[in-house]
Amino acid sequence: MDDATAVLRTLLGDGHWQAADLETRRLLVANVDVGGYVGVDADEASELDCALLVAVDAAWASASDGRFGFSAQRRQLAAVMDEGFTGNDTWRQFGRAVGWVTGREWIDEDAVTYDASAPEGHLPYVPGSATVVVTGRIYEAFVIFYARLATCLD
């Protein structure tokens, strides 16, 4: 998997956060997207390759001293769940914690912060990888995506 993430690691090493986010999206979509909307939707998230998820996560964590990456997001999610939020409130509170939700609304991609001052877990911008924002299945996709991540990391 190192060859597949070589471009990503270079972009991250050079501090090109936005380009790295786009490369992350490209890698995830290329891994499982089977058509229809372009993206990793709720039906495809459980099929993501573990080696790819782990390699992408490691690249982000290494470049950001652990502030960014899927593991950082997983830590934020665990903290929200420990607070006792349930259902959609869990995901909205998680979105707030990582800076993807302001008020009650999910941010658009043009509002993503592409620098080290972003909240822990802000990058990569997972909603940008999924069409669920458009199709209304964002919470379902998050459940499946982070369950797949847990399987891969544990």
Protein backbone atom coordinates (compact mmCIF):
# COMPACT_ATOMS: atom_id res chain seq x y z
CA MET A 1 0.00 0.00 0.00
CA ASP A 2 3.00 2.30 0.36
CA ASP A 3 3.11 2.87 -3.41
CA ALA A 4 -0.58 3.78 -3.47
CA THR A 5 -0.07 6.44 -0.80
CA ALA A 6 3.27 7.81 -2.04
CA VAL A 7 1.70 10.93 -3.57
CA LEU A 8 -0.35 11.50 -0.41
CA ARG A 9 2.73 11.23 1.81
CA THR A 10 4.62 13.69 -0.39
CA LEU A 11 1.78 16.21 -0.34
CA LEU A 12 1.45 15.94 3.43
CA GLY A 13 5.20 16.17 3.93
CA ASP A 14 5.23 19.40 1.94
CA GLY A 15 2.30 20.80 3.96
CA HIS A 16 -0.12 20.82 1.03
CA TRP A 17 -3.16 20.01 3.18
CA GLN A 18 -5.85 20.74 0.59
CA ALA A 19 -4.14 18.76 -2.14
CA ALA A 20 -3.60 15.91 0.35
CA ASP A 21 -7.29 16.00 1.23
CA LEU A 22 -8.19 15.70 -2.46
CA GLU A 23 -5.68 12.86 -2.88
CA THR A 24 -7.19 11.07 0.12
CA ARG A 25 -10.61 11.38 -1.48
CA ARG A 26 -9.26 10.10 -4.79
CA LEU A 27 -7.72 7.06 -3.07
CA LEU A 28 -10.90 6.19 -1.16
CA VAL A 29 -13.20 6.67 -4.13
CA ALA A 30 -10.90 4.69 -6.45
CA ASN A 31 -10.88 1.87 -3.90
CA VAL A 32 -14.63 1.26 -3.63
CA ASP A 33 -16.79 3.50 -5.81
CA VAL A 34 -18.88 1.34 -8.11
CA GLY A 35 -20.80 4.02 -9.92
CA GLY A 36 -23.81 6.19 -9.56
CA TYR A 37 -22.74 9.20 -7.53
CA VAL A 38 -18.99 9.69 -7.38
CA GLY A 39 -17.93 9.09 -3.81
CA VAL A 40 -17.86 6.57 -1.01
CA ASP A 41 -21.47 6.12 -0.06
CA ALA A 42 -23.08 4.24 2.80
CA ASP A 43 -23.30 1.09 0.70
CA GLU A 44 -19.60 1.14 -0.17
CA ALA A 45 -17.95 2.29 3.09
CA SER A 46 -17.84 -1.20 4.57
CA GLU A 47 -15.83 -2.38 1.57
CA LEU A 48 -12.89 0.00 2.04
CA ASP A 49 -9.57 -1.81 1.99
CA CYS A 50 -8.06 -1.97 5.48
CA ALA A 51 -4.49 -1.61 4.26
CA LEU A 52 -5.47 1.57 2.44
CA LEU A 53 -7.31 3.05 5.44
CA VAL A 54 -4.41 2.29 7.76
CA ALA A 55 -1.83 3.71 5.33
CA VAL A 56 -3.83 6.90 4.74
CA ASP A 57 -4.39 7.32 8.48
CA ALA A 58 -0.69 6.80 9.23
CA ALA A 59 0.31 9.37 6.60
CA TRP A 60 -2.01 12.03 8.04
CA ALA A 61 -1.03 11.26 11.64
CA SER A 62 2.68 11.37 10.85
CA ALA A 63 2.47 14.69 9.00
CA SER A 64 0.37 16.36 11.71
CA ASP A 65 1.85 14.96 14.93
CA GLY A 66 -1.39 13.02 15.41
CA ARG A 67 -3.77 15.99 15.06
CA PHE A 68 -5.25 14.83 11.75
CA GLY A 69 -6.22 11.49 10.27
CA PHE A 70 -8.91 8.92 10.85
CA SER A 71 -7.49 7.95 14.26
CA ALA A 72 -7.76 11.57 15.42
CA GLN A 73 -11.36 11.58 14.23
CA ARG A 74 -11.97 8.29 16.01
CA ARG A 75 -10.68 9.82 19.27
CA GLN A 76 -13.05 12.76 18.86
CA LEU A 77 -15.94 10.42 18.14
CA ALA A 78 -15.14 8.34 21.23
CA ALA A 79 -15.11 11.49 23.38
CA VAL A 80 -18.53 12.51 22.03
CA MET A 81 -19.94 9.03 22.61
CA ASP A 82 -18.57 9.08 26.17
CA GLU A 83 -20.69 12.19 26.76
CA GLY A 84 -23.81 10.12 26.13
CA PHE A 85 -25.07 11.60 22.89
CA THR A 86 -27.24 9.26 20.88
CA GLY A 87 -28.37 8.88 17.29
CA ASN A 88 -28.08 11.88 15.01
CA ASP A 89 -27.01 14.05 17.96
CA THR A 90 -23.82 11.96 18.19
CA TRP A 91 -22.88 12.75 14.63
CA ARG A 92 -23.79 16.41 14.81
CA GLN A 93 -21.75 16.80 18.03
CA PHE A 94 -18.87 14.90 16.43
CA GLY A 95 -19.11 17.24 13.44
CA ARG A 96 -18.88 20.20 15.80
CA ALA A 97 -15.88 18.69 17.60
CA VAL A 98 -13.91 18.31 14.36
CA GLY A 99 -15.14 21.59 12.87
CA TRP A 100 -17.45 20.16 10.23
CA VAL A 101 -20.65 21.54 11.77
CA THR A 102 -21.45 25.12 12.64
CA GLY A 103 -24.74 25.66 14.42
CA ARG A 104 -26.87 22.82 13.07
CA GLU A 105 -25.46 22.83 9.54
CA TRP A 106 -22.67 20.76 8.02
CA ILE A 107 -20.07 22.99 6.40
CA ASP A 108 -19.54 23.03 2.67
CA GLU A 109 -16.20 21.94 1.31
CA ASP A 110 -15.14 25.54 0.68
CA ALA A 111 -15.31 26.16 4.46
CA VAL A 112 -12.77 23.44 5.34
CA THR A 113 -9.70 24.80 7.12
CA TYR A 114 -6.58 23.58 5.34
CA ASP A 115 -3.90 24.42 7.88
CA ALA A 116 -2.53 23.20 11.18
CA SER A 117 -4.82 25.54 13.16
CA ALA A 118 -7.86 23.43 12.27
CA PRO A 119 -9.51 21.48 15.10
CA GLU A 120 -8.10 18.07 15.91
CA GLY A 121 -9.57 15.55 13.45
CA HIS A 122 -10.68 18.22 10.94
CA LEU A 123 -8.67 16.62 8.15
CA PRO A 124 -9.11 14.67 6.02
CA TYR A 125 -12.59 15.98 5.32
CA VAL A 126 -14.51 12.70 5.27
CA PRO A 127 -17.88 14.19 4.19
CA GLY A 128 -16.13 15.34 1.03
CA SER A 129 -15.41 11.70 0.19
CA ALA A 130 -19.02 10.71 0.40
CA THR A 131 -22.09 11.53 -1.59
CA VAL A 132 -24.18 10.95 1.50
CA VAL A 133 -24.25 14.68 2.13
CA VAL A 134 -26.26 14.97 -1.08
CA THR A 135 -28.30 11.80 -0.66
CA GLY A 136 -29.16 12.39 3.00
CA ARG A 137 -27.46 9.29 4.40
CA ILE A 138 -24.54 11.04 6.12
CA TYR A 139 -25.14 9.54 9.53
CA GLU A 140 -25.47 6.04 8.17
CA ALA A 141 -22.27 6.43 6.17
CA PHE A 142 -20.39 7.72 9.23
CA VAL A 143 -21.51 4.73 11.28
CA ILE A 144 -20.33 2.35 8.58
CA PHE A 145 -17.10 4.24 7.79
CA TYR A 146 -15.94 4.47 11.41
CA ALA A 147 -17.01 0.87 12.12
CA ARG A 148 -14.85 -0.20 9.18
CA LEU A 149 -11.99 1.91 10.50
CA ALA A 150 -12.32 0.30 13.95
CA THR A 151 -12.18 -3.15 12.35
CA CYS A 152 -9.07 -2.18 10.43
CA LEU A 153 -7.22 -0.56 13.34
CA ASP A 154 -8.12 -3.06 16.06
